[in-house]
Protein backbone atom coordinates (compact mmCIF):
# COMPACT_ATOMS: atom_id res chain seq x y z
CA UNK A 1 -39.62 73.83 -45.07
CA UNK A 2 -39.26 71.87 -47.61
CA UNK A 3 -39.62 67.82 -47.04
CA UNK A 4 -37.29 65.31 -48.76
CA UNK A 5 -39.35 64.79 -51.44
CA UNK A 6 -39.32 68.25 -52.43
CA UNK A 7 -35.76 68.48 -51.75
CA UNK A 8 -35.18 65.34 -54.52
CA UNK A 9 -37.02 67.39 -57.11
CA UNK A 10 -34.70 70.56 -56.32
CA UNK A 11 -31.67 68.86 -56.77
CA UNK A 12 -32.48 66.85 -60.30
CA UNK A 13 -33.65 70.57 -61.41
CA UNK A 14 -30.29 71.65 -60.31
CA UNK A 15 -28.32 68.73 -61.96
CA UNK A 16 -30.37 68.86 -65.13
CA UNK A 17 -29.43 72.62 -65.22
CA UNK A 18 -25.29 71.57 -64.33
CA UNK A 19 -26.47 74.57 -61.45
CA UNK A 20 -23.36 74.37 -59.11
CA UNK A 21 -24.73 76.99 -57.01
CA UNK A 22 -28.50 75.99 -56.82
CA UNK A 23 -27.11 72.07 -55.55
CA UNK A 24 -25.12 73.52 -52.74
CA UNK A 25 -28.01 75.24 -51.68
CA UNK A 26 -29.84 72.18 -51.54
CA UNK A 27 -27.34 70.28 -49.22
CA UNK A 28 -26.17 70.47 -45.39
CA UNK A 29 -22.65 71.47 -44.47
CA UNK A 30 -22.56 68.23 -42.99
CA UNK A 31 -24.19 66.10 -45.30
CA UNK A 32 -23.53 63.03 -46.77
CA UNK A 33 -23.69 61.89 -50.25
CA UNK A 34 -23.37 58.01 -50.93
CA UNK A 35 -22.90 56.52 -54.67
CA UNK A 36 -21.13 53.63 -56.64
CA UNK A 37 -18.70 56.48 -57.68
CA UNK A 38 -17.71 58.37 -54.45
CA UNK A 39 -18.62 58.92 -51.09
CA UNK A 40 -18.79 62.42 -50.57
CA UNK A 41 -18.54 63.83 -46.78
CA UNK A 42 -20.08 67.79 -46.52
CA UNK A 43 -21.29 70.11 -48.96
CA UNK A 44 -18.05 70.99 -50.64
CA UNK A 45 -17.20 67.44 -51.70
CA UNK A 46 -20.70 66.73 -53.01
CA UNK A 47 -20.67 69.84 -55.06
CA UNK A 48 -17.22 68.63 -56.25
CA UNK A 49 -18.35 65.08 -57.25
CA UNK A 50 -21.45 67.42 -59.33
CA UNK A 51 -18.40 69.03 -60.85
CA UNK A 52 -16.68 66.08 -61.76
CA UNK A 53 -19.70 64.62 -63.40
CA UNK A 54 -20.70 67.68 -65.54
CA UNK A 55 -17.15 67.76 -66.51
CA UNK A 56 -16.87 64.02 -67.63
CA UNK A 57 -20.37 64.71 -69.35
CA UNK A 58 -21.05 68.06 -70.21
CA UNK A 59 -24.95 67.15 -71.86
CA UNK A 60 -25.34 64.66 -68.63
CA UNK A 61 -29.50 64.34 -67.01
CA UNK A 62 -31.33 62.65 -65.51
CA UNK A 63 -35.19 61.68 -66.22
CA UNK A 64 -37.16 60.76 -64.15
CA UNK A 65 -39.75 58.09 -65.04
CA UNK A 66 -40.84 57.31 -61.20
CA UNK A 67 -41.18 59.32 -58.72
CA UNK A 68 -42.28 58.23 -55.09
CA UNK A 69 -44.37 60.82 -53.82
CA UNK A 70 -43.11 60.02 -49.63
CA UNK A 71 -42.49 63.29 -47.88
CA UNK A 72 -39.44 61.37 -46.49
CA UNK A 73 -37.20 60.70 -48.10
CA UNK A 74 -37.53 62.02 -51.73
CA UNK A 75 -37.59 58.79 -54.15
CA UNK A 76 -36.90 58.86 -57.82
CA UNK A 77 -36.32 56.31 -60.19
CA UNK A 78 -33.94 58.22 -63.27
CA UNK A 79 -31.97 57.08 -66.60
CA UNK A 80 -28.84 59.08 -66.50
CA UNK A 81 -27.66 60.01 -70.54
CA UNK A 82 -25.08 62.06 -71.37
CA UNK A 83 -21.88 62.16 -73.54
CA UNK A 84 -18.32 61.18 -72.30
CA UNK A 85 -16.72 64.45 -73.38
CA UNK A 86 -14.34 65.42 -70.39
CA UNK A 87 -11.85 63.92 -67.75
CA UNK A 88 -14.06 60.96 -66.05
CA UNK A 89 -12.24 60.75 -62.51
CA UNK A 90 -11.48 56.96 -61.74
CA UNK A 91 -10.96 54.56 -58.68
CA UNK A 92 -7.05 55.32 -57.03
CA UNK A 93 -6.89 58.71 -58.43
CA UNK A 94 -6.78 57.74 -62.31
CA UNK A 95 -8.75 59.94 -65.11
CA UNK A 96 -10.30 58.89 -68.07
CA UNK A 97 -9.63 61.25 -71.44
CA UNK A 98 -13.19 61.60 -73.19
CA UNK A 99 -13.78 58.92 -75.20
CA UNK A 100 -16.99 60.87 -77.25
CA UNK A 101 -19.56 57.89 -75.99
CA UNK A 102 -23.09 58.30 -75.29
CA UNK A 103 -24.02 56.76 -71.60
CA UNK A 104 -27.77 55.66 -70.57
CA UNK A 105 -27.46 54.32 -67.17
CA UNK A 106 -30.74 53.40 -65.17
CA UNK A 107 -30.68 54.41 -61.67
CA UNK A 108 -32.23 55.31 -58.48
CA UNK A 109 -31.91 57.66 -55.74
CA UNK A 110 -33.10 58.94 -52.13
CA UNK A 111 -32.95 62.46 -50.43
CA UNK A 112 -33.55 62.46 -46.75
CA UNK A 113 -34.21 66.06 -45.14
CA UNK A 114 -33.60 67.57 -41.93
CA UNK A 115 -33.91 71.47 -41.34
CA UNK A 116 -35.07 71.90 -44.84
CA UNK A 117 -31.66 70.77 -46.17
CA UNK A 118 -30.60 67.43 -48.00
CA UNK A 119 -28.90 65.43 -45.27
CA UNK A 120 -28.11 62.33 -47.05
CA UNK A 121 -28.13 61.48 -50.39
CA UNK A 122 -28.15 58.17 -51.85
CA UNK A 123 -28.07 57.47 -55.51
CA UNK A 124 -27.69 53.92 -56.63
CA UNK A 125 -26.74 52.64 -60.32
CA UNK A 126 -25.05 49.61 -61.94
CA UNK A 127 -21.40 50.59 -62.34
CA UNK A 128 -20.17 47.85 -64.33
CA UNK A 129 -23.57 49.13 -66.77
CA UNK A 130 -21.87 52.89 -67.06
CA UNK A 131 -18.30 51.40 -67.63
CA UNK A 132 -18.73 48.92 -70.29
CA UNK A 133 -20.58 52.04 -71.98
CA UNK A 134 -17.48 53.59 -71.39
CA UNK A 135 -15.06 51.61 -72.68
CA UNK A 136 -13.94 49.59 -69.85
CA UNK A 137 -13.82 45.59 -69.78
CA UNK A 138 -13.17 42.70 -67.01
CA UNK A 139 -11.23 41.59 -69.32
CA UNK A 140 -7.03 41.92 -69.42
CA UNK A 141 -4.79 41.24 -72.08
């Protein structure tokens, strides 16, 4: 049965392949994904989250630059890169159209396993860093 480290690697590989079926096979049906962008409860919401990211950043990749060799949780530090080429859901229900801007955001993630599937997945990254690279400003006017 795969542990958190093995599942974290499977999730990262599926994300980089933009393979929703492989991602779905990694998560328990009641899994929870927590990110600065969204809280997802259950496999269906988690897959919608990844689908939205793949649509917004059609060339998105996560490049791992540090990997902890613990069985559980599986912890990785990575850099997310991509081009904003599609609709990006915003808090409050808005959507930002494609800007063509490149993003480079550092982050980390932890996957906890139960019964050979991801039961809890947490990703951490600086949301302000992402939004500023997309052209948002804290100053209105």
